[in-house]
Amino acid sequence: MPILILLVSLFSVVTQSPLALDRLEGRWTGAGQVRGQAVRAELQFEKVLGGKFTRLSYRFGEELPGPPKTFEVKFEGHAYYAACPGGQACTGQWFDTLGFVRVINATQTADTLASEWKTAGAEAGKSEYRITPDGGLVVTDWVRSADGSFREFGRVMYSRGK
């Protein structure tokens, strides 16, 4: 009987590791390719509106030559993920400089936020935010083709910014 009590006690003190949205909080900078073009990108995850939402602010562009280093923004977007305390499923909305408003349905684990997005009457796709074992972040984006398959159009590798 003492062994059973000990096991129950051990299970009661085990805590779940934080999910991806919590672990992604902060500023990230990186480089990669979007639609075949080399880009520099920045993103930030932060709790907003009294902790009821997590906002993702994202932008990419190209680094212009010469000192001083300058960055020309080509695209910018914001997502708002509803808080999902203790849950792995989230919903949200995406807004960007192309004028799109997209519905987001996402799932998360400790290391990955997987978002499926769509715009009424327009394209649909998915984005994966995967935390790597070395503490980096890889973001991969796909768009759904007419035949229902997904085609990768972007991949950026990030590190935590300052």
N, C-alpha and C. Protein backbone atom coordinates (compact mmCIF):
# COMPACT_ATOMS: atom_id res chain seq x y z
N MET A 1 0.80 -1.20 0.00
CA MET A 1 0.00 0.00 0.00
C MET A 1 0.85 1.28 0.00
N PRO A 2 1.98 1.35 0.75
CA PRO A 2 2.81 2.56 0.73
C PRO A 2 3.35 2.86 -0.66
N ILE A 3 3.63 1.84 -1.48
CA ILE A 3 4.14 2.06 -2.83
C ILE A 3 3.09 2.77 -3.68
N LEU A 4 1.83 2.35 -3.56
CA LEU A 4 0.74 2.96 -4.31
C LEU A 4 0.58 4.43 -3.93
N ILE A 5 0.65 4.75 -2.66
CA ILE A 5 0.54 6.13 -2.21
C ILE A 5 1.70 6.96 -2.76
N LEU A 6 2.89 6.39 -2.75
CA LEU A 6 4.05 7.08 -3.29
C LEU A 6 3.86 7.36 -4.78
N LEU A 7 3.39 6.38 -5.55
CA LEU A 7 3.17 6.58 -6.98
C LEU A 7 2.13 7.66 -7.24
N VAL A 8 1.05 7.64 -6.50
CA VAL A 8 0.01 8.66 -6.65
C VAL A 8 0.59 10.03 -6.33
N SER A 9 1.40 10.12 -5.30
CA SER A 9 2.03 11.39 -4.94
C SER A 9 2.96 11.88 -6.05
N LEU A 10 3.74 10.97 -6.62
CA LEU A 10 4.64 11.36 -7.70
C LEU A 10 3.87 11.88 -8.90
N PHE A 11 2.78 11.22 -9.28
CA PHE A 11 1.99 11.67 -10.41
C PHE A 11 1.35 13.02 -10.15
N SER A 12 1.00 13.31 -8.93
CA SER A 12 0.34 14.58 -8.63
C SER A 12 1.29 15.76 -8.71
N VAL A 13 2.60 15.55 -8.60
CA VAL A 13 3.54 16.67 -8.68
C VAL A 13 4.11 16.85 -10.08
N VAL A 14 3.82 15.93 -11.00
CA VAL A 14 4.30 16.08 -12.37
C VAL A 14 3.50 17.20 -13.04
N THR A 15 4.19 18.14 -13.63
CA THR A 15 3.50 19.23 -14.31
C THR A 15 3.73 19.11 -15.80
N GLN A 16 2.75 19.59 -16.55
CA GLN A 16 2.89 19.58 -18.00
C GLN A 16 3.88 20.66 -18.42
N SER A 17 4.64 20.36 -19.47
CA SER A 17 5.54 21.38 -19.98
C SER A 17 4.72 22.44 -20.69
N PRO A 18 5.20 23.68 -20.73
CA PRO A 18 4.46 24.75 -21.38
C PRO A 18 4.23 24.43 -22.86
N LEU A 19 3.10 24.89 -23.37
CA LEU A 19 2.78 24.67 -24.77
C LEU A 19 3.47 25.73 -25.63
N ALA A 20 3.46 25.50 -26.94
CA ALA A 20 4.23 26.32 -27.87
C ALA A 20 3.94 27.81 -27.76
N LEU A 21 2.67 28.22 -27.67
CA LEU A 21 2.38 29.66 -27.64
C LEU A 21 3.08 30.35 -26.48
N ASP A 22 3.17 29.68 -25.34
CA ASP A 22 3.89 30.26 -24.21
C ASP A 22 5.40 30.28 -24.47
N ARG A 23 5.92 29.22 -25.04
CA ARG A 23 7.37 29.13 -25.28
C ARG A 23 7.82 30.05 -26.42
N LEU A 24 6.90 30.42 -27.31
CA LEU A 24 7.26 31.28 -28.44
C LEU A 24 7.30 32.76 -28.06
N GLU A 25 6.79 33.11 -26.88
CA GLU A 25 6.75 34.52 -26.50
C GLU A 25 8.12 35.16 -26.62
N GLY A 26 8.13 36.37 -27.16
CA GLY A 26 9.36 37.11 -27.33
C GLY A 26 9.58 37.50 -28.77
N ARG A 27 10.75 38.08 -29.00
CA ARG A 27 11.11 38.59 -30.32
C ARG A 27 12.08 37.62 -31.00
N TRP A 28 11.87 37.39 -32.29
CA TRP A 28 12.68 36.47 -33.08
C TRP A 28 13.13 37.16 -34.36
N THR A 29 14.37 36.91 -34.79
CA THR A 29 14.86 37.43 -36.07
C THR A 29 15.46 36.28 -36.86
N GLY A 30 15.34 36.37 -38.19
CA GLY A 30 15.87 35.26 -38.98
C GLY A 30 15.98 35.60 -40.45
N ALA A 31 16.36 34.56 -41.20
CA ALA A 31 16.52 34.68 -42.64
C ALA A 31 16.06 33.39 -43.29
N GLY A 32 15.65 33.51 -44.54
CA GLY A 32 15.19 32.33 -45.27
C GLY A 32 14.70 32.71 -46.64
N GLN A 33 13.71 31.97 -47.13
CA GLN A 33 13.17 32.19 -48.47
C GLN A 33 11.65 32.25 -48.40
N VAL A 34 11.07 33.20 -49.13
CA VAL A 34 9.63 33.29 -49.29
C VAL A 34 9.37 33.50 -50.78
N ARG A 35 8.59 32.61 -51.36
CA ARG A 35 8.26 32.66 -52.79
C ARG A 35 9.52 32.78 -53.66
N GLY A 36 10.55 32.02 -53.27
CA GLY A 36 11.78 31.97 -54.06
C GLY A 36 12.73 33.13 -53.85
N GLN A 37 12.40 34.06 -52.97
CA GLN A 37 13.26 35.22 -52.72
C GLN A 37 13.90 35.12 -51.34
N ALA A 38 15.17 35.49 -51.26
CA ALA A 38 15.85 35.55 -49.96
C ALA A 38 15.25 36.70 -49.16
N VAL A 39 14.94 36.43 -47.89
CA VAL A 39 14.34 37.45 -47.04
C VAL A 39 15.01 37.48 -45.68
N ARG A 40 14.87 38.62 -45.03
CA ARG A 40 15.16 38.76 -43.62
C ARG A 40 13.81 38.94 -42.96
N ALA A 41 13.60 38.33 -41.82
CA ALA A 41 12.28 38.37 -41.20
C ALA A 41 12.37 38.62 -39.71
N GLU A 42 11.31 39.18 -39.18
CA GLU A 42 11.20 39.43 -37.75
C GLU A 42 9.81 39.03 -37.32
N LEU A 43 9.70 38.42 -36.15
CA LEU A 43 8.38 38.16 -35.60
C LEU A 43 8.44 38.28 -34.10
N GLN A 44 7.27 38.53 -33.54
CA GLN A 44 7.17 38.66 -32.09
C GLN A 44 5.84 38.07 -31.63
N PHE A 45 5.91 37.25 -30.60
CA PHE A 45 4.73 36.72 -29.93
C PHE A 45 4.62 37.42 -28.59
N GLU A 46 3.44 37.94 -28.27
CA GLU A 46 3.25 38.59 -26.98
C GLU A 46 1.79 38.48 -26.54
N LYS A 47 1.61 38.37 -25.23
CA LYS A 47 0.27 38.37 -24.64
C LYS A 47 -0.26 39.79 -24.70
N VAL A 48 -1.53 39.96 -25.13
CA VAL A 48 -2.13 41.28 -25.23
C VAL A 48 -3.57 41.23 -24.72
N LEU A 49 -4.14 42.40 -24.56
CA LEU A 49 -5.54 42.55 -24.16
C LEU A 49 -5.85 41.77 -22.89
N GLY A 50 -5.05 42.05 -21.87
CA GLY A 50 -5.25 41.43 -20.56
C GLY A 50 -4.96 39.94 -20.54
N GLY A 51 -4.11 39.47 -21.48
CA GLY A 51 -3.76 38.06 -21.53
C GLY A 51 -4.80 37.18 -22.20
N LYS A 52 -5.82 37.80 -22.78
CA LYS A 52 -6.88 37.03 -23.45
C LYS A 52 -6.46 36.56 -24.84
N PHE A 53 -5.44 37.20 -25.42
CA PHE A 53 -4.98 36.86 -26.76
C PHE A 53 -3.45 36.84 -26.79
N THR A 54 -2.92 36.06 -27.73
CA THR A 54 -1.49 36.13 -28.06
C THR A 54 -1.42 36.75 -29.45
N ARG A 55 -0.66 37.84 -29.55
CA ARG A 55 -0.50 38.50 -30.85
C ARG A 55 0.82 38.07 -31.47
N LEU A 56 0.75 37.70 -32.73
CA LEU A 56 1.94 37.44 -33.54
C LEU A 56 2.08 38.61 -34.49
N SER A 57 3.18 39.33 -34.39
CA SER A 57 3.50 40.40 -35.33
C SER A 57 4.63 39.88 -36.21
N TYR A 58 4.43 39.95 -37.52
CA TYR A 58 5.37 39.34 -38.46
C TYR A 58 5.64 40.32 -39.59
N ARG A 59 6.90 40.36 -40.02
CA ARG A 59 7.24 41.14 -41.21
C ARG A 59 8.47 40.56 -41.85
N PHE A 60 8.54 40.70 -43.16
CA PHE A 60 9.75 40.30 -43.85
C PHE A 60 10.05 41.28 -44.95
N GLY A 61 11.30 41.27 -45.36
CA GLY A 61 11.74 42.16 -46.42
C GLY A 61 13.15 41.80 -46.82
N GLU A 62 13.79 42.76 -47.41
CA GLU A 62 15.17 42.50 -47.83
C GLU A 62 16.09 43.51 -47.16
N GLU A 63 17.28 43.02 -46.89
CA GLU A 63 18.30 43.88 -46.30
C GLU A 63 18.98 44.62 -47.45
N LEU A 64 19.03 45.91 -47.35
CA LEU A 64 19.64 46.72 -48.40
C LEU A 64 21.14 46.85 -48.13
N PRO A 65 21.94 46.95 -49.19
CA PRO A 65 23.40 46.97 -49.01
C PRO A 65 23.91 48.25 -48.36
N GLY A 66 25.11 48.10 -47.82
CA GLY A 66 25.85 49.24 -47.32
C GLY A 66 25.58 49.60 -45.88
N PRO A 67 26.55 50.31 -45.33
CA PRO A 67 26.29 50.87 -44.02
C PRO A 67 25.48 52.16 -44.19
N PRO A 68 24.60 52.48 -43.33
CA PRO A 68 24.13 51.60 -42.27
C PRO A 68 23.21 50.52 -42.84
N LYS A 69 23.08 49.41 -42.09
CA LYS A 69 22.18 48.35 -42.53
C LYS A 69 20.74 48.87 -42.48
N THR A 70 20.03 48.68 -43.57
CA THR A 70 18.63 49.07 -43.60
C THR A 70 17.80 47.87 -44.05
N PHE A 71 16.55 47.92 -43.72
CA PHE A 71 15.65 46.80 -43.95
C PHE A 71 14.40 47.34 -44.63
N GLU A 72 14.13 46.90 -45.85
CA GLU A 72 12.94 47.34 -46.57
C GLU A 72 11.84 46.29 -46.40
N VAL A 73 10.77 46.66 -45.71
CA VAL A 73 9.66 45.74 -45.44
C VAL A 73 8.86 45.52 -46.72
N LYS A 74 8.64 44.25 -47.07
CA LYS A 74 7.86 43.88 -48.24
C LYS A 74 6.48 43.36 -47.87
N PHE A 75 6.34 42.84 -46.64
CA PHE A 75 5.08 42.24 -46.20
C PHE A 75 5.01 42.29 -44.69
N GLU A 76 3.80 42.52 -44.18
CA GLU A 76 3.62 42.57 -42.73
C GLU A 76 2.24 42.01 -42.40
N GLY A 77 2.16 41.30 -41.27
CA GLY A 77 0.88 40.76 -40.84
C GLY A 77 0.82 40.60 -39.33
N HIS A 78 -0.41 40.53 -38.82
CA HIS A 78 -0.64 40.30 -37.40
C HIS A 78 -1.67 39.19 -37.26
N ALA A 79 -1.42 38.30 -36.32
CA ALA A 79 -2.41 37.28 -35.97
C ALA A 79 -2.76 37.47 -34.51
N TYR A 80 -3.99 37.19 -34.17
CA TYR A 80 -4.44 37.20 -32.79
C TYR A 80 -5.00 35.81 -32.49
N TYR A 81 -4.31 35.08 -31.61
CA TYR A 81 -4.74 33.76 -31.18
C TYR A 81 -5.48 33.91 -29.86
N ALA A 82 -6.71 33.37 -29.78
CA ALA A 82 -7.46 33.42 -28.52
C ALA A 82 -6.74 32.57 -27.49
N ALA A 83 -6.77 33.03 -26.24
CA ALA A 83 -6.15 32.26 -25.16
C ALA A 83 -6.82 30.90 -25.07
N CYS A 84 -6.02 29.89 -24.88
CA CYS A 84 -6.55 28.53 -24.75
C CYS A 84 -5.91 27.87 -23.55
N PRO A 85 -6.23 28.39 -22.35
CA PRO A 85 -5.57 27.87 -21.15
C PRO A 85 -5.78 26.38 -20.99
N GLY A 86 -4.67 25.68 -20.85
CA GLY A 86 -4.72 24.24 -20.64
C GLY A 86 -5.12 23.47 -21.87
N GLY A 87 -5.43 24.15 -22.95
CA GLY A 87 -5.88 23.46 -24.15
C GLY A 87 -4.84 23.48 -25.24
N GLN A 88 -4.99 22.55 -26.14
CA GLN A 88 -4.04 22.47 -27.25
C GLN A 88 -4.60 23.08 -28.52
N ALA A 89 -5.92 23.32 -28.58
CA ALA A 89 -6.53 23.89 -29.77
C ALA A 89 -6.78 25.38 -29.56
N CYS A 90 -6.52 26.16 -30.60
CA CYS A 90 -6.72 27.61 -30.55
C CYS A 90 -7.39 28.07 -31.84
N THR A 91 -8.05 29.20 -31.75
CA THR A 91 -8.57 29.84 -32.95
C THR A 91 -8.00 31.24 -33.01
N GLY A 92 -8.08 31.85 -34.18
CA GLY A 92 -7.55 33.19 -34.30
C GLY A 92 -7.94 33.84 -35.61
N GLN A 93 -7.39 35.04 -35.80
CA GLN A 93 -7.61 35.83 -37.00
C GLN A 93 -6.27 36.39 -37.46
N TRP A 94 -6.09 36.49 -38.77
CA TRP A 94 -4.88 37.03 -39.38
C TRP A 94 -5.26 38.24 -40.21
N PHE A 95 -4.45 39.30 -40.15
CA PHE A 95 -4.65 40.52 -40.92
C PHE A 95 -3.31 40.89 -41.53
N ASP A 96 -3.27 41.30 -42.82
CA ASP A 96 -1.96 41.63 -43.41
C ASP A 96 -2.02 42.79 -44.39
N THR A 97 -0.85 43.19 -44.86
CA THR A 97 -0.72 44.34 -45.75
C THR A 97 -1.28 44.09 -47.15
N LEU A 98 -1.64 42.86 -47.47
CA LEU A 98 -2.31 42.58 -48.74
C LEU A 98 -3.82 42.76 -48.61
N GLY A 99 -4.27 43.05 -47.38
CA GLY A 99 -5.68 43.27 -47.14
C GLY A 99 -6.45 42.01 -46.79
N PHE A 100 -5.75 40.89 -46.62
CA PHE A 100 -6.43 39.64 -46.29
C PHE A 100 -6.78 39.58 -44.81
N VAL A 101 -7.93 39.00 -44.53
CA VAL A 101 -8.34 38.63 -43.19
C VAL A 101 -8.57 37.13 -43.27
N ARG A 102 -7.85 36.38 -42.47
CA ARG A 102 -7.91 34.91 -42.54
C ARG A 102 -8.34 34.34 -41.19
N VAL A 103 -9.14 33.29 -41.27
CA VAL A 103 -9.54 32.54 -40.09
C VAL A 103 -8.44 31.53 -39.81
N ILE A 104 -8.05 31.40 -38.54
CA ILE A 104 -6.99 30.46 -38.15
C ILE A 104 -7.56 29.41 -37.21
N ASN A 105 -7.25 28.16 -37.48
CA ASN A 105 -7.49 27.06 -36.54
C ASN A 105 -6.14 26.43 -36.28
N ALA A 106 -5.76 26.37 -35.02
CA ALA A 106 -4.41 25.92 -34.69
C ALA A 106 -4.44 24.85 -33.60
N THR A 107 -3.39 24.04 -33.62
CA THR A 107 -3.14 23.08 -32.55
C THR A 107 -1.71 23.31 -32.10
N GLN A 108 -1.44 22.93 -30.86
CA GLN A 108 -0.09 23.13 -30.35
C GLN A 108 0.34 21.98 -29.46
N THR A 109 1.64 21.76 -29.48
CA THR A 109 2.30 20.84 -28.56
C THR A 109 3.33 21.69 -27.82
N ALA A 110 4.22 21.04 -27.09
CA ALA A 110 5.27 21.80 -26.40
C ALA A 110 6.22 22.47 -27.38
N ASP A 111 6.41 21.89 -28.57
CA ASP A 111 7.41 22.39 -29.51
C ASP A 111 6.86 22.97 -30.80
N THR A 112 5.56 22.81 -31.07
CA THR A 112 5.04 23.19 -32.38
C THR A 112 3.68 23.85 -32.28
N LEU A 113 3.53 24.95 -33.01
CA LEU A 113 2.23 25.57 -33.24
C LEU A 113 1.93 25.34 -34.72
N ALA A 114 0.86 24.61 -35.00
CA ALA A 114 0.47 24.30 -36.38
C ALA A 114 -0.85 25.02 -36.67
N SER A 115 -0.81 25.98 -37.60
CA SER A 115 -1.97 26.81 -37.91
C SER A 115 -2.46 26.53 -39.32
N GLU A 116 -3.74 26.26 -39.46
CA GLU A 116 -4.37 26.19 -40.78
C GLU A 116 -5.15 27.47 -40.95
N TRP A 117 -5.05 28.08 -42.12
CA TRP A 117 -5.68 29.37 -42.35
C TRP A 117 -6.42 29.36 -43.68
N LYS A 118 -7.46 30.21 -43.75
CA LYS A 118 -8.22 30.32 -44.99
C LYS A 118 -8.89 31.68 -45.05
N THR A 119 -9.14 32.08 -46.27
CA THR A 119 -9.86 33.32 -46.54
C THR A 119 -11.08 32.94 -47.36
N ALA A 120 -12.22 33.47 -47.00
CA ALA A 120 -13.44 33.15 -47.74
C ALA A 120 -13.25 33.46 -49.23
N GLY A 121 -13.48 32.46 -50.07
CA GLY A 121 -13.37 32.64 -51.50
C GLY A 121 -11.97 32.82 -52.04
N ALA A 122 -10.96 32.62 -51.21
CA ALA A 122 -9.57 32.81 -51.66
C ALA A 122 -8.73 31.63 -51.20
N GLU A 123 -7.43 31.83 -51.17
CA GLU A 123 -6.53 30.73 -50.86
C GLU A 123 -6.60 30.26 -49.41
N ALA A 124 -6.13 29.04 -49.23
CA ALA A 124 -6.01 28.44 -47.91
C ALA A 124 -4.61 27.87 -47.79
N GLY A 125 -4.17 27.66 -46.56
CA GLY A 125 -2.84 27.10 -46.38
C GLY A 125 -2.60 26.74 -44.93
N LYS A 126 -1.34 26.54 -44.64
CA LYS A 126 -0.97 26.21 -43.26
C LYS A 126 0.42 26.75 -42.97
N SER A 127 0.67 27.01 -41.70
CA SER A 127 1.96 27.49 -41.22
C SER A 127 2.34 26.69 -39.99
N GLU A 128 3.62 26.34 -39.91
CA GLU A 128 4.12 25.60 -38.76
C GLU A 128 5.25 26.39 -38.11
N TYR A 129 5.14 26.60 -36.81
CA TYR A 129 6.15 27.27 -36.00
C TYR A 129 6.74 26.20 -35.09
N ARG A 130 7.96 25.74 -35.41
CA ARG A 130 8.55 24.61 -34.70
C ARG A 130 9.81 25.06 -33.97
N ILE A 131 9.80 24.88 -32.65
CA ILE A 131 10.96 25.20 -31.82
C ILE A 131 11.95 24.05 -31.94
N THR A 132 13.19 24.37 -32.28
CA THR A 132 14.20 23.34 -32.49
C THR A 132 14.89 22.98 -31.17
N PRO A 133 15.54 21.82 -31.11
CA PRO A 133 16.22 21.41 -29.87
C PRO A 133 17.26 22.42 -29.38
N ASP A 134 17.87 23.19 -30.29
CA ASP A 134 18.88 24.16 -29.88
C ASP A 134 18.27 25.51 -29.49
N GLY A 135 16.92 25.59 -29.43
CA GLY A 135 16.27 26.82 -29.00
C GLY A 135 15.94 27.77 -30.13
N GLY A 136 16.20 27.38 -31.37
CA GLY A 136 15.84 28.19 -32.53
C GLY A 136 14.38 27.97 -32.90
N LEU A 137 13.98 28.56 -34.00
CA LEU A 137 12.61 28.45 -34.48
C LEU A 137 12.64 28.33 -36.00
N VAL A 138 11.91 27.36 -36.54
CA VAL A 138 11.75 27.22 -37.98
C VAL A 138 10.28 27.44 -38.30
N VAL A 139 10.01 28.38 -39.19
CA VAL A 139 8.64 28.64 -39.63
C VAL A 139 8.54 28.23 -41.09
N THR A 140 7.59 27.35 -41.37
CA THR A 140 7.37 26.86 -42.72
C THR A 140 5.92 27.16 -43.10
N ASP A 141 5.73 27.68 -44.33
CA ASP A 141 4.40 28.03 -44.83
C ASP A 141 4.10 27.26 -46.11
N TRP A 142 2.85 26.80 -46.21
CA TRP A 142 2.38 26.09 -47.39
C TRP A 142 1.08 26.72 -47.85
N VAL A 143 0.81 26.66 -49.16
CA VAL A 143 -0.47 27.08 -49.71
C VAL A 143 -1.13 25.85 -50.32
N ARG A 144 -2.46 25.79 -50.22
CA ARG A 144 -3.19 24.65 -50.78
C ARG A 144 -3.38 24.87 -52.28
N SER A 145 -3.01 23.86 -53.07
CA SER A 145 -3.18 23.90 -54.52
C SER A 145 -4.61 23.51 -54.87
N ALA A 146 -4.99 23.74 -56.12
CA ALA A 146 -6.35 23.41 -56.59
C ALA A 146 -6.69 21.94 -56.39
N ASP A 147 -5.68 21.06 -56.46
CA ASP A 147 -5.93 19.62 -56.30
C ASP A 147 -5.99 19.19 -54.83
N GLY A 148 -5.85 20.16 -53.90
CA GLY A 148 -5.93 19.85 -52.47
C GLY A 148 -4.59 19.58 -51.81
N SER A 149 -3.54 19.43 -52.59
CA SER A 149 -2.22 19.20 -52.01
C SER A 149 -1.63 20.54 -51.53
N PHE A 150 -0.58 20.45 -50.72
CA PHE A 150 0.06 21.65 -50.20
C PHE A 150 1.42 21.83 -50.86
N ARG A 151 1.73 23.09 -51.19
CA ARG A 151 3.01 23.45 -51.80
C ARG A 151 3.70 24.45 -50.87
N GLU A 152 4.93 24.11 -50.47
CA GLU A 152 5.70 25.00 -49.60
C GLU A 152 6.06 26.27 -50.36
N PHE A 153 5.85 27.43 -49.70
CA PHE A 153 6.24 28.69 -50.33
C PHE A 153 7.14 29.54 -49.45
N GLY A 154 7.38 29.10 -48.22
CA GLY A 154 8.25 29.88 -47.36
C GLY A 154 8.85 29.05 -46.26
N ARG A 155 10.10 29.36 -45.93
CA ARG A 155 10.79 28.72 -44.80
C ARG A 155 11.83 29.71 -44.28
N VAL A 156 11.71 30.03 -43.00
CA VAL A 156 12.62 30.97 -42.36
C VAL A 156 13.12 30.36 -41.06
N MET A 157 14.42 30.47 -40.82
CA MET A 157 15.05 30.00 -39.58
C MET A 157 15.33 31.22 -38.70
N TYR A 158 14.87 31.15 -37.46
CA TYR A 158 14.97 32.28 -36.53
C TYR A 158 15.83 31.93 -35.32
N SER A 159 16.31 32.98 -34.68
CA SER A 159 16.89 32.87 -33.34
C SER A 159 16.25 33.96 -32.50
N ARG A 160 16.32 33.80 -31.19
CA ARG A 160 15.71 34.80 -30.31
C ARG A 160 16.42 36.12 -30.48
N GLY A 161 15.64 37.17 -30.64
CA GLY A 161 16.18 38.52 -30.79
C GLY A 161 16.49 39.14 -29.45
N LYS A 162 17.03 40.33 -29.53
CA LYS A 162 17.39 41.05 -28.31
C LYS A 162 16.34 42.08 -27.99
